[in-house]
């Protein structure tokens, strides 16, 4: 399992440990099957954290991007669910994290969209 102190990455996700921030007005992401999906995949190999981690989504992210805030109370991990070419799990120590899902530009559609893994 990989560790990091300030900035970590897993696929299209970038995690940054931050000082505590208010989550007032942010939408909490509900767990599904004991996990919270923080990075969706078109092929079902999602990036998830345990349901004990509170994850909130900012509604004001730039076009094509998602910005999430995770509150980790006990040590946890960010896991990638795919049977092959899996990204190594990232250890999450207690604290608050900002998670950004990258974006890419599609010149054919002339739009910015969420980056796919």
C-alpha atoms as a PDB file:
ATOM      1  CA  UNK A   1       0.000   0.000   0.000  1.00  0.00           C
ATOM      2  CA  UNK A   2       1.350   3.406  -0.964  1.00  0.00           C
ATOM      3  CA  UNK A   3       1.601   6.245   1.511  1.00  0.00           C
ATOM      4  CA  UNK A   4       1.891   9.995   1.044  1.00  0.00           C
ATOM      5  CA  UNK A   5       2.149  13.003   3.304  1.00  0.00           C
ATOM      6  CA  UNK A   6       0.717  15.925   1.308  1.00  0.00           C
ATOM      7  CA  UNK A   7      -0.267  14.929  -2.257  1.00  0.00           C
ATOM      8  CA  UNK A   8      -1.090  11.503  -3.676  1.00  0.00           C
ATOM      9  CA  UNK A   9      -2.608  10.188  -6.909  1.00  0.00           C
ATOM     10  CA  UNK A  10      -4.461   7.128  -8.094  1.00  0.00           C
ATOM     11  CA  UNK A  11      -5.444   7.057 -11.778  1.00  0.00           C
ATOM     12  CA  UNK A  12      -7.392  10.230 -12.574  1.00  0.00           C
ATOM     13  CA  UNK A  13      -7.723  11.128  -8.882  1.00  0.00           C
ATOM     14  CA  UNK A  14      -5.441  13.589  -7.092  1.00  0.00           C
ATOM     15  CA  UNK A  15      -5.630  13.710  -3.285  1.00  0.00           C
ATOM     16  CA  UNK A  16      -4.304  16.526  -1.165  1.00  0.00           C
ATOM     17  CA  UNK A  17      -4.282  16.530   2.635  1.00  0.00           C
ATOM     18  CA  UNK A  18      -5.732  19.864   3.753  1.00  0.00           C
ATOM     19  CA  UNK A  19      -6.518  21.779   6.921  1.00  0.00           C
ATOM     20  CA  UNK A  20     -10.049  21.262   8.209  1.00  0.00           C
ATOM     21  CA  UNK A  21     -12.665  22.908   6.031  1.00  0.00           C
ATOM     22  CA  UNK A  22     -16.363  23.398   6.630  1.00  0.00           C
ATOM     23  CA  UNK A  23     -18.579  20.998   4.692  1.00  0.00           C
ATOM     24  CA  UNK A  24     -21.689  23.109   5.298  1.00  0.00           C
ATOM     25  CA  UNK A  25     -23.717  23.303   2.108  1.00  0.00           C
ATOM     26  CA  UNK A  26     -21.866  20.428   0.429  1.00  0.00           C
ATOM     27  CA  UNK A  27     -23.684  17.279  -0.724  1.00  0.00           C
ATOM     28  CA  UNK A  28     -22.679  14.107   1.145  1.00  0.00           C
ATOM     29  CA  UNK A  29     -22.119  11.099  -1.097  1.00  0.00           C
ATOM     30  CA  UNK A  30     -24.024   8.063   0.159  1.00  0.00           C
ATOM     31  CA  UNK A  31     -22.213   4.739   0.504  1.00  0.00           C
ATOM     32  CA  UNK A  32     -23.181   1.842  -1.749  1.00  0.00           C
ATOM     33  CA  UNK A  33     -22.386  -1.713  -0.693  1.00  0.00           C
ATOM     34  CA  UNK A  34     -20.187  -0.670   2.218  1.00  0.00           C
ATOM     35  CA  UNK A  35     -18.026   1.661   0.097  1.00  0.00           C
ATOM     36  CA  UNK A  36     -18.174   5.245  -1.166  1.00  0.00           C
ATOM     37  CA  UNK A  37     -17.360   5.623  -4.865  1.00  0.00           C
ATOM     38  CA  UNK A  38     -15.097   8.632  -5.344  1.00  0.00           C
ATOM     39  CA  UNK A  39     -14.017   7.843  -8.910  1.00  0.00           C
ATOM     40  CA  UNK A  40     -16.511   6.293 -11.322  1.00  0.00           C
ATOM     41  CA  UNK A  41     -15.374   4.154 -14.219  1.00  0.00           C
ATOM     42  CA  UNK A  42     -17.159   3.425 -17.473  1.00  0.00           C
ATOM     43  CA  UNK A  43     -16.097  -0.223 -17.108  1.00  0.00           C
ATOM     44  CA  UNK A  44     -17.007  -0.607 -13.422  1.00  0.00           C
ATOM     45  CA  UNK A  45     -13.497  -0.498 -11.910  1.00  0.00           C
ATOM     46  CA  UNK A  46     -14.304   2.258  -9.454  1.00  0.00           C
ATOM     47  CA  UNK A  47     -12.033   4.003  -6.937  1.00  0.00           C
ATOM     48  CA  UNK A  48     -13.586   3.714  -3.469  1.00  0.00           C
ATOM     49  CA  UNK A  49     -13.123   4.363   0.237  1.00  0.00           C
ATOM     50  CA  UNK A  50     -14.770   2.577   3.174  1.00  0.00           C
ATOM     51  CA  UNK A  51     -18.241   3.799   4.133  1.00  0.00           C
ATOM     52  CA  UNK A  52     -16.824   5.089   7.449  1.00  0.00           C
ATOM     53  CA  UNK A  53     -15.120   7.865   5.467  1.00  0.00           C
ATOM     54  CA  UNK A  54     -17.436  10.860   5.040  1.00  0.00           C
ATOM     55  CA  UNK A  55     -17.243  12.160   1.461  1.00  0.00           C
ATOM     56  CA  UNK A  56     -18.812  15.437   0.298  1.00  0.00           C
ATOM     57  CA  UNK A  57     -19.046  16.927  -3.197  1.00  0.00           C
ATOM     58  CA  UNK A  58     -18.594  20.604  -4.032  1.00  0.00           C
ATOM     59  CA  UNK A  59     -21.243  21.831  -6.465  1.00  0.00           C
ATOM     60  CA  UNK A  60     -19.014  24.642  -7.727  1.00  0.00           C
ATOM     61  CA  UNK A  61     -16.312  22.588  -9.469  1.00  0.00           C
ATOM     62  CA  UNK A  62     -15.025  23.777 -12.861  1.00  0.00           C
ATOM     63  CA  UNK A  63     -16.742  22.274 -15.938  1.00  0.00           C
ATOM     64  CA  UNK A  64     -15.878  18.619 -16.432  1.00  0.00           C
ATOM     65  CA  UNK A  65     -14.260  18.250 -12.998  1.00  0.00           C
ATOM     66  CA  UNK A  66     -15.403  16.920  -9.626  1.00  0.00           C
ATOM     67  CA  UNK A  67     -14.061  18.198  -6.316  1.00  0.00           C
ATOM     68  CA  UNK A  68     -14.691  16.056  -3.246  1.00  0.00           C
ATOM     69  CA  UNK A  69     -13.790  16.427   0.417  1.00  0.00           C
ATOM     70  CA  UNK A  70     -13.164  13.341   2.534  1.00  0.00           C
ATOM     71  CA  UNK A  71     -13.122  13.270   6.318  1.00  0.00           C
ATOM     72  CA  UNK A  72     -11.111  10.295   7.563  1.00  0.00           C
ATOM     73  CA  UNK A  73     -11.557   9.568  11.283  1.00  0.00           C
ATOM     74  CA  UNK A  74      -9.683   6.245  11.426  1.00  0.00           C
ATOM     75  CA  UNK A  75      -6.942   4.950   9.101  1.00  0.00           C
ATOM     76  CA  UNK A  76      -8.471   3.885   5.773  1.00  0.00           C
ATOM     77  CA  UNK A  77      -7.468   3.361   2.159  1.00  0.00           C
ATOM     78  CA  UNK A  78      -8.430   4.445  -1.327  1.00  0.00           C
ATOM     79  CA  UNK A  79      -8.849   1.265  -3.366  1.00  0.00           C
ATOM     80  CA  UNK A  80      -9.105   0.562  -7.083  1.00  0.00           C
ATOM     81  CA  UNK A  81     -11.451  -2.289  -8.014  1.00  0.00           C
ATOM     82  CA  UNK A  82     -10.232  -4.058 -11.137  1.00  0.00           C
ATOM     83  CA  UNK A  83      -8.908  -7.614 -11.492  1.00  0.00           C
ATOM     84  CA  UNK A  84      -5.925  -6.538 -13.649  1.00  0.00           C
ATOM     85  CA  UNK A  85      -3.619  -3.497 -13.912  1.00  0.00           C
ATOM     86  CA  UNK A  86      -4.942  -2.266 -10.589  1.00  0.00           C
ATOM     87  CA  UNK A  87      -3.646   0.966  -9.093  1.00  0.00           C
ATOM     88  CA  UNK A  88      -2.013   0.266  -5.740  1.00  0.00           C
ATOM     89  CA  UNK A  89      -4.146   1.240  -2.731  1.00  0.00           C
ATOM     90  CA  UNK A  90      -3.349   4.561  -1.042  1.00  0.00           C
ATOM     91  CA  UNK A  91      -3.212   4.712   2.756  1.00  0.00           C
ATOM     92  CA  UNK A  92      -5.308   7.524   4.221  1.00  0.00           C
ATOM     93  CA  UNK A  93      -4.397   8.707   7.693  1.00  0.00           C
ATOM     94  CA  UNK A  94      -6.947  10.558   9.858  1.00  0.00           C
ATOM     95  CA  UNK A  95      -7.602  14.069   8.615  1.00  0.00           C
ATOM     96  CA  UNK A  96      -9.291  15.884   5.765  1.00  0.00           C
ATOM     97  CA  UNK A  97      -8.534  15.428   2.078  1.00  0.00           C
ATOM     98  CA  UNK A  98      -9.483  17.259  -1.083  1.00  0.00           C
ATOM     99  CA  UNK A  99      -9.977  14.839  -3.975  1.00  0.00           C
ATOM    100  CA  UNK A 100      -9.989  16.200  -7.515  1.00  0.00           C
ATOM    101  CA  UNK A 101     -11.030  14.136 -10.492  1.00  0.00           C
ATOM    102  CA  UNK A 102      -9.091  15.423 -13.464  1.00  0.00           C
ATOM    103  CA  UNK A 103     -10.622  16.642 -16.672  1.00  0.00           C
ATOM    104  CA  UNK A 104      -9.680  16.373 -20.295  1.00  0.00           C
ATOM    105  CA  UNK A 105     -10.610  18.392 -23.349  1.00  0.00           C
ATOM    106  CA  UNK A 106     -12.445  16.709 -26.237  1.00  0.00           C
ATOM    107  CA  UNK A 107     -11.736  18.855 -29.323  1.00  0.00           C
ATOM    108  CA  UNK A 108     -14.347  16.967 -31.349  1.00  0.00           C
ATOM    109  CA  UNK A 109     -17.121  17.794 -28.915  1.00  0.00           C
ATOM    110  CA  UNK A 110     -15.468  21.130 -28.018  1.00  0.00           C
ATOM    111  CA  UNK A 111     -16.052  20.506 -24.322  1.00  0.00           C
ATOM    112  CA  UNK A 112     -14.149  19.818 -21.150  1.00  0.00           C
ATOM    113  CA  UNK A 113     -15.228  16.567 -19.555  1.00  0.00           C
ATOM    114  CA  UNK A 114     -14.320  14.466 -16.538  1.00  0.00           C
ATOM    115  CA  UNK A 115     -11.155  12.495 -17.166  1.00  0.00           C
ATOM    116  CA  UNK A 116     -11.660   8.737 -17.618  1.00  0.00           C
ATOM    117  CA  UNK A 117      -9.377   6.054 -16.251  1.00  0.00           C
END
